[in-house]
Amino acid sequence: MTFKTHKSQIRTIKQDDPRFQIQDVFTIATRAGFEISNSCPIEYKMVLQECINNGWLKPVAYMTERELLFSGLSND
């Protein structure tokens, strides 16, 4: 019996990875983050903030190996 396995080309970029931030001449931004709607009740916002502050909820970004390679070549 033989098995064929797939090696994914998608990589997870975490917040402490230097490639998590992107920048141009004047702007530095993260590749991923959270956007909470203004209509979100304050109680939920407070729960989410506590989760973020305690490290229970963290932003991650996903990139293909090809994107990582090209961002490394262009010093992004």
PDB file of N, CA and C in Angstrom:
ATOM      1  N   MET A   1       0.846  -1.170   0.000  1.00  0.00           N
ATOM      2  CA  MET A   1       0.000   0.000   0.000  1.00  0.00           C
ATOM      3  C   MET A   1       0.894   1.237   0.000  1.00  0.00           C
ATOM      4  N   THR A   2       0.535   2.218  -0.796  1.00  0.00           N
ATOM      5  CA  THR A   2       1.295   3.468  -0.832  1.00  0.00           C
ATOM      6  C   THR A   2       0.382   4.635  -0.498  1.00  0.00           C
ATOM      7  N   PHE A   3       0.975   5.632   0.087  1.00  0.00           N
ATOM      8  CA  PHE A   3       0.251   6.853   0.430  1.00  0.00           C
ATOM      9  C   PHE A   3       0.918   8.023  -0.254  1.00  0.00           C
ATOM     10  N   LYS A   4       0.124   8.890  -0.756  1.00  0.00           N
ATOM     11  CA  LYS A   4       0.648  10.113  -1.346  1.00  0.00           C
ATOM     12  C   LYS A   4       0.304  11.251  -0.395  1.00  0.00           C
ATOM     13  N   THR A   5       1.309  11.992   0.010  1.00  0.00           N
ATOM     14  CA  THR A   5       1.065  13.102   0.933  1.00  0.00           C
ATOM     15  C   THR A   5       1.229  14.426   0.200  1.00  0.00           C
ATOM     16  N   HIS A   6       0.543  15.409   0.711  1.00  0.00           N
ATOM     17  CA  HIS A   6       0.604  16.754   0.135  1.00  0.00           C
ATOM     18  C   HIS A   6       1.337  17.661   1.105  1.00  0.00           C
ATOM     19  N   LYS A   7       2.361  18.364   0.636  1.00  0.00           N
ATOM     20  CA  LYS A   7       3.066  19.332   1.459  1.00  0.00           C
ATOM     21  C   LYS A   7       2.533  20.711   1.095  1.00  0.00           C
ATOM     22  N   SER A   8       1.827  21.311   2.012  1.00  0.00           N
ATOM     23  CA  SER A   8       1.208  22.606   1.757  1.00  0.00           C
ATOM     24  C   SER A   8       2.265  23.687   1.527  1.00  0.00           C
ATOM     25  N   GLN A   9       1.962  24.600   0.637  1.00  0.00           N
ATOM     26  CA  GLN A   9       2.830  25.743   0.355  1.00  0.00           C
ATOM     27  C   GLN A   9       2.411  26.969   1.161  1.00  0.00           C
ATOM     28  N   ILE A  10       1.405  26.814   2.001  1.00  0.00           N
ATOM     29  CA  ILE A  10       0.898  27.929   2.807  1.00  0.00           C
ATOM     30  C   ILE A  10       1.604  27.935   4.146  1.00  0.00           C
ATOM     31  N   ARG A  11       2.103  29.104   4.530  1.00  0.00           N
ATOM     32  CA  ARG A  11       2.822  29.256   5.790  1.00  0.00           C
ATOM     33  C   ARG A  11       2.097  30.259   6.677  1.00  0.00           C
ATOM     34  N   THR A  12       2.138  30.009   7.964  1.00  0.00           N
ATOM     35  CA  THR A  12       1.524  30.899   8.945  1.00  0.00           C
ATOM     36  C   THR A  12       2.568  31.890   9.421  1.00  0.00           C
ATOM     37  N   ILE A  13       2.222  33.172   9.372  1.00  0.00           N
ATOM     38  CA  ILE A  13       3.106  34.229   9.844  1.00  0.00           C
ATOM     39  C   ILE A  13       2.491  34.766  11.129  1.00  0.00           C
ATOM     40  N   LYS A  14       3.225  34.645  12.227  1.00  0.00           N
ATOM     41  CA  LYS A  14       2.709  35.096  13.521  1.00  0.00           C
ATOM     42  C   LYS A  14       3.189  36.504  13.831  1.00  0.00           C
ATOM     43  N   GLN A  15       2.575  37.089  14.821  1.00  0.00           N
ATOM     44  CA  GLN A  15       2.781  38.491  15.164  1.00  0.00           C
ATOM     45  C   GLN A  15       4.237  38.825  15.497  1.00  0.00           C
ATOM     46  N   ASP A  16       4.998  37.884  16.053  1.00  0.00           N
ATOM     47  CA  ASP A  16       6.386  38.161  16.420  1.00  0.00           C
ATOM     48  C   ASP A  16       7.368  37.916  15.276  1.00  0.00           C
ATOM     49  N   ASP A  17       6.878  37.478  14.118  1.00  0.00           N
ATOM     50  CA  ASP A  17       7.721  37.267  12.944  1.00  0.00           C
ATOM     51  C   ASP A  17       7.985  38.619  12.278  1.00  0.00           C
ATOM     52  N   PRO A  18       9.225  38.914  11.912  1.00  0.00           N
ATOM     53  CA  PRO A  18       9.511  40.212  11.265  1.00  0.00           C
ATOM     54  C   PRO A  18       8.751  40.429   9.960  1.00  0.00           C
ATOM     55  N   ARG A  19       8.334  39.351   9.308  1.00  0.00           N
ATOM     56  CA  ARG A  19       7.583  39.478   8.047  1.00  0.00           C
ATOM     57  C   ARG A  19       6.108  39.776   8.279  1.00  0.00           C
ATOM     58  N   PHE A  20       5.688  39.840   9.540  1.00  0.00           N
ATOM     59  CA  PHE A  20       4.284  40.127   9.845  1.00  0.00           C
ATOM     60  C   PHE A  20       3.936  41.564   9.489  1.00  0.00           C
ATOM     61  N   GLN A  21       4.924  42.443   9.505  1.00  0.00           N
ATOM     62  CA  GLN A  21       4.691  43.844   9.139  1.00  0.00           C
ATOM     63  C   GLN A  21       5.119  44.086   7.699  1.00  0.00           C
ATOM     64  N   ILE A  22       4.366  44.937   7.022  1.00  0.00           N
ATOM     65  CA  ILE A  22       4.730  45.381   5.678  1.00  0.00           C
ATOM     66  C   ILE A  22       4.903  46.890   5.732  1.00  0.00           C
ATOM     67  N   GLN A  23       5.742  47.401   4.871  1.00  0.00           N
ATOM     68  CA  GLN A  23       5.960  48.846   4.895  1.00  0.00           C
ATOM     69  C   GLN A  23       6.287  49.373   3.518  1.00  0.00           C
ATOM     70  N   ASP A  24       5.921  50.637   3.333  1.00  0.00           N
ATOM     71  CA  ASP A  24       6.371  51.374   2.167  1.00  0.00           C
ATOM     72  C   ASP A  24       7.159  52.557   2.714  1.00  0.00           C
ATOM     73  N   VAL A  25       7.307  53.592   1.982  1.00  0.00           N
ATOM     74  CA  VAL A  25       8.171  54.693   2.396  1.00  0.00           C
ATOM     75  C   VAL A  25       7.743  55.298   3.732  1.00  0.00           C
ATOM     76  N   PHE A  26       6.452  55.559   3.915  1.00  0.00           N
ATOM     77  CA  PHE A  26       5.986  56.275   5.103  1.00  0.00           C
ATOM     78  C   PHE A  26       5.043  55.477   6.004  1.00  0.00           C
ATOM     79  N   THR A  27       4.627  54.313   5.584  1.00  0.00           N
ATOM     80  CA  THR A  27       3.609  53.583   6.311  1.00  0.00           C
ATOM     81  C   THR A  27       4.109  52.196   6.697  1.00  0.00           C
ATOM     82  N   ILE A  28       3.839  51.809   7.943  1.00  0.00           N
ATOM     83  CA  ILE A  28       4.082  50.447   8.402  1.00  0.00           C
ATOM     84  C   ILE A  28       2.731  49.879   8.833  1.00  0.00           C
ATOM     85  N   ALA A  29       2.407  48.696   8.334  1.00  0.00           N
ATOM     86  CA  ALA A  29       1.126  48.062   8.667  1.00  0.00           C
ATOM     87  C   ALA A  29       1.359  46.581   8.923  1.00  0.00           C
ATOM     88  N   THR A  30       0.461  45.987   9.671  1.00  0.00           N
ATOM     89  CA  THR A  30       0.528  44.549   9.883  1.00  0.00           C
ATOM     90  C   THR A  30      -0.211  43.832   8.767  1.00  0.00           C
ATOM     91  N   ARG A  31       0.190  42.620   8.486  1.00  0.00           N
ATOM     92  CA  ARG A  31      -0.456  41.836   7.433  1.00  0.00           C
ATOM     93  C   ARG A  31      -1.834  41.343   7.846  1.00  0.00           C
ATOM     94  N   ALA A  32      -2.079  41.265   9.145  1.00  0.00           N
ATOM     95  CA  ALA A  32      -3.364  40.774   9.640  1.00  0.00           C
ATOM     96  C   ALA A  32      -3.705  41.508  10.926  1.00  0.00           C
ATOM     97  N   GLY A  33      -4.957  41.510  11.267  1.00  0.00           N
ATOM     98  CA  GLY A  33      -5.377  42.167  12.491  1.00  0.00           C
ATOM     99  C   GLY A  33      -6.851  41.919  12.734  1.00  0.00           C
ATOM    100  N   PHE A  34      -7.409  42.704  13.611  1.00  0.00           N
ATOM    101  CA  PHE A  34      -8.819  42.585  13.964  1.00  0.00           C
ATOM    102  C   PHE A  34      -9.510  43.902  13.650  1.00  0.00           C
ATOM    103  N   GLU A  35     -10.708  43.815  13.121  1.00  0.00           N
ATOM    104  CA  GLU A  35     -11.530  44.992  12.915  1.00  0.00           C
ATOM    105  C   GLU A  35     -12.870  44.731  13.578  1.00  0.00           C
ATOM    106  N   ILE A  36     -13.172  45.509  14.587  1.00  0.00           N
ATOM    107  CA  ILE A  36     -14.420  45.331  15.338  1.00  0.00           C
ATOM    108  C   ILE A  36     -15.380  46.434  14.923  1.00  0.00           C
ATOM    109  N   SER A  37     -16.563  46.044  14.508  1.00  0.00           N
ATOM    110  CA  SER A  37     -17.570  46.987  14.041  1.00  0.00           C
ATOM    111  C   SER A  37     -17.984  47.949  15.152  1.00  0.00           C
ATOM    112  N   ASN A  38     -18.325  49.176  14.763  1.00  0.00           N
ATOM    113  CA  ASN A  38     -18.831  50.159  15.726  1.00  0.00           C
ATOM    114  C   ASN A  38     -20.149  49.716  16.349  1.00  0.00           C
ATOM    115  N   SER A  39     -20.873  48.845  15.659  1.00  0.00           N
ATOM    116  CA  SER A  39     -22.147  48.376  16.201  1.00  0.00           C
ATOM    117  C   SER A  39     -21.989  47.217  17.187  1.00  0.00           C
ATOM    118  N   CYS A  40     -20.760  46.773  17.406  1.00  0.00           N
ATOM    119  CA  CYS A  40     -20.511  45.704  18.379  1.00  0.00           C
ATOM    120  C   CYS A  40     -20.778  46.248  19.781  1.00  0.00           C
ATOM    121  N   PRO A  41     -21.580  45.555  20.578  1.00  0.00           N
ATOM    122  CA  PRO A  41     -21.863  46.032  21.940  1.00  0.00           C
ATOM    123  C   PRO A  41     -20.583  46.161  22.772  1.00  0.00           C
ATOM    124  N   ILE A  42     -20.531  47.167  23.610  1.00  0.00           N
ATOM    125  CA  ILE A  42     -19.341  47.458  24.409  1.00  0.00           C
ATOM    126  C   ILE A  42     -18.922  46.266  25.263  1.00  0.00           C
ATOM    127  N   GLU A  43     -19.885  45.489  25.761  1.00  0.00           N
ATOM    128  CA  GLU A  43     -19.554  44.326  26.585  1.00  0.00           C
ATOM    129  C   GLU A  43     -18.726  43.306  25.797  1.00  0.00           C
ATOM    130  N   TYR A  44     -19.074  43.101  24.525  1.00  0.00           N
ATOM    131  CA  TYR A  44     -18.338  42.171  23.679  1.00  0.00           C
ATOM    132  C   TYR A  44     -16.956  42.734  23.349  1.00  0.00           C
ATOM    133  N   LYS A  45     -16.896  44.027  23.090  1.00  0.00           N
ATOM    134  CA  LYS A  45     -15.602  44.656  22.832  1.00  0.00           C
ATOM    135  C   LYS A  45     -14.671  44.474  24.020  1.00  0.00           C
ATOM    136  N   MET A  46     -15.216  44.610  25.221  1.00  0.00           N
ATOM    137  CA  MET A  46     -14.404  44.457  26.425  1.00  0.00           C
ATOM    138  C   MET A  46     -13.898  43.016  26.571  1.00  0.00           C
ATOM    139  N   VAL A  47     -14.743  42.040  26.232  1.00  0.00           N
ATOM    140  CA  VAL A  47     -14.328  40.634  26.287  1.00  0.00           C
ATOM    141  C   VAL A  47     -13.219  40.385  25.264  1.00  0.00           C
ATOM    142  N   LEU A  48     -13.411  40.887  24.044  1.00  0.00           N
ATOM    143  CA  LEU A  48     -12.386  40.720  23.011  1.00  0.00           C
ATOM    144  C   LEU A  48     -11.077  41.388  23.417  1.00  0.00           C
ATOM    145  N   GLN A  49     -11.161  42.581  24.003  1.00  0.00           N
ATOM    146  CA  GLN A  49      -9.957  43.279  24.443  1.00  0.00           C
ATOM    147  C   GLN A  49      -9.226  42.482  25.513  1.00  0.00           C
ATOM    148  N   GLU A  50      -9.963  41.888  26.436  1.00  0.00           N
ATOM    149  CA  GLU A  50      -9.348  41.056  27.469  1.00  0.00           C
ATOM    150  C   GLU A  50      -8.653  39.841  26.845  1.00  0.00           C
ATOM    151  N   CYS A  51      -9.297  39.230  25.860  1.00  0.00           N
ATOM    152  CA  CYS A  51      -8.697  38.082  25.179  1.00  0.00           C
ATOM    153  C   CYS A  51      -7.407  38.471  24.470  1.00  0.00           C
ATOM    154  N   ILE A  52      -7.402  39.621  23.804  1.00  0.00           N
ATOM    155  CA  ILE A  52      -6.204  40.102  23.123  1.00  0.00           C
ATOM    156  C   ILE A  52      -5.117  40.420  24.137  1.00  0.00           C
ATOM    157  N   ASN A  53      -5.474  41.136  25.195  1.00  0.00           N
ATOM    158  CA  ASN A  53      -4.497  41.525  26.218  1.00  0.00           C
ATOM    159  C   ASN A  53      -3.852  40.317  26.888  1.00  0.00           C
ATOM    160  N   ASN A  54      -4.612  39.236  27.073  1.00  0.00           N
ATOM    161  CA  ASN A  54      -4.094  38.037  27.727  1.00  0.00           C
ATOM    162  C   ASN A  54      -3.430  37.060  26.759  1.00  0.00           C
ATOM    163  N   GLY A  55      -3.428  37.396  25.475  1.00  0.00           N
ATOM    164  CA  GLY A  55      -2.788  36.530  24.489  1.00  0.00           C
ATOM    165  C   GLY A  55      -3.608  35.319  24.095  1.00  0.00           C
ATOM    166  N   TRP A  56      -4.883  35.316  24.429  1.00  0.00           N
ATOM    167  CA  TRP A  56      -5.748  34.204  24.059  1.00  0.00           C
ATOM    168  C   TRP A  56      -6.235  34.333  22.619  1.00  0.00           C
ATOM    169  N   LEU A  57      -6.225  35.521  22.097  1.00  0.00           N
ATOM    170  CA  LEU A  57      -6.645  35.811  20.732  1.00  0.00           C
ATOM    171  C   LEU A  57      -5.514  36.587  20.083  1.00  0.00           C
ATOM    172  N   LYS A  58      -4.918  36.010  19.026  1.00  0.00           N
ATOM    173  CA  LYS A  58      -3.756  36.624  18.384  1.00  0.00           C
ATOM    174  C   LYS A  58      -3.971  36.693  16.878  1.00  0.00           C
ATOM    175  N   PRO A  59      -3.515  37.764  16.257  1.00  0.00           N
ATOM    176  CA  PRO A  59      -3.617  37.825  14.799  1.00  0.00           C
ATOM    177  C   PRO A  59      -2.545  36.954  14.146  1.00  0.00           C
ATOM    178  N   VAL A  60      -2.904  36.295  13.071  1.00  0.00           N
ATOM    179  CA  VAL A  60      -1.956  35.547  12.249  1.00  0.00           C
ATOM    180  C   VAL A  60      -2.267  35.872  10.792  1.00  0.00           C
ATOM    181  N   ALA A  61      -1.262  35.741   9.950  1.00  0.00           N
ATOM    182  CA  ALA A  61      -1.443  35.937   8.517  1.00  0.00           C
ATOM    183  C   ALA A  61      -0.993  34.668   7.811  1.00  0.00           C
ATOM    184  N   TYR A  62      -1.516  34.434   6.637  1.00  0.00           N
ATOM    185  CA  TYR A  62      -1.139  33.271   5.850  1.00  0.00           C
ATOM    186  C   TYR A  62      -0.589  33.745   4.518  1.00  0.00           C
ATOM    187  N   MET A  63       0.538  33.172   4.143  1.00  0.00           N
ATOM    188  CA  MET A  63       1.168  33.500   2.869  1.00  0.00           C
ATOM    189  C   MET A  63       1.656  32.209   2.232  1.00  0.00           C
ATOM    190  N   THR A  64       1.730  32.212   0.908  1.00  0.00           N
ATOM    191  CA  THR A  64       2.325  31.062   0.233  1.00  0.00           C
ATOM    192  C   THR A  64       3.845  31.197   0.304  1.00  0.00           C
ATOM    193  N   GLU A  65       4.522  30.081   0.126  1.00  0.00           N
ATOM    194  CA  GLU A  65       5.988  30.127   0.124  1.00  0.00           C
ATOM    195  C   GLU A  65       6.493  31.063  -0.970  1.00  0.00           C
ATOM    196  N   ARG A  66       5.792  31.106  -2.090  1.00  0.00           N
ATOM    197  CA  ARG A  66       6.182  31.992  -3.202  1.00  0.00           C
ATOM    198  C   ARG A  66       6.118  33.464  -2.770  1.00  0.00           C
ATOM    199  N   GLU A  67       5.026  33.848  -2.076  1.00  0.00           N
ATOM    200  CA  GLU A  67       4.906  35.214  -1.591  1.00  0.00           C
ATOM    201  C   GLU A  67       6.018  35.545  -0.576  1.00  0.00           C
ATOM    202  N   LEU A  68       6.318  34.583   0.297  1.00  0.00           N
ATOM    203  CA  LEU A  68       7.396  34.792   1.265  1.00  0.00           C
ATOM    204  C   LEU A  68       8.732  34.990   0.574  1.00  0.00           C
ATOM    205  N   LEU A  69       8.976  34.181  -0.440  1.00  0.00           N
ATOM    206  CA  LEU A  69      10.220  34.292  -1.200  1.00  0.00           C
ATOM    207  C   LEU A  69      10.338  35.669  -1.840  1.00  0.00           C
ATOM    208  N   PHE A  70       9.285  36.114  -2.522  1.00  0.00           N
ATOM    209  CA  PHE A  70       9.348  37.395  -3.207  1.00  0.00           C
ATOM    210  C   PHE A  70       9.387  38.575  -2.228  1.00  0.00           C
ATOM    211  N   SER A  71       8.705  38.446  -1.098  1.00  0.00           N
ATOM    212  CA  SER A  71       8.785  39.542  -0.121  1.00  0.00           C
ATOM    213  C   SER A  71      10.182  39.613   0.471  1.00  0.00           C
ATOM    214  N   GLY A  72      10.841  38.472   0.627  1.00  0.00           N
ATOM    215  CA  GLY A  72      12.223  38.473   1.110  1.00  0.00           C
ATOM    216  C   GLY A  72      13.181  39.068   0.098  1.00  0.00           C
ATOM    217  N   LEU A  73      12.949  38.810  -1.168  1.00  0.00           N
ATOM    218  CA  LEU A  73      13.821  39.351  -2.214  1.00  0.00           C
ATOM    219  C   LEU A  73      13.665  40.860  -2.357  1.00  0.00           C
ATOM    220  N   SER A  74      12.455  41.361  -2.065  1.00  0.00           N
ATOM    221  CA  SER A  74      12.226  42.798  -2.231  1.00  0.00           C
ATOM    222  C   SER A  74      12.416  43.572  -0.917  1.00  0.00           C
ATOM    223  N   ASN A  75      12.927  42.884   0.122  1.00  0.00           N
ATOM    224  CA  ASN A  75      13.169  43.488   1.429  1.00  0.00           C
ATOM    225  C   ASN A  75      11.902  43.973   2.104  1.00  0.00           C
ATOM    226  N   ASP A  76      10.749  43.369   1.847  1.00  0.00           N
ATOM    227  CA  ASP A  76       9.487  43.706   2.532  1.00  0.00           C
ATOM    228  C   ASP A  76       9.441  42.988   3.856  1.00  0.00           C
TER     229      ASP A  76
END
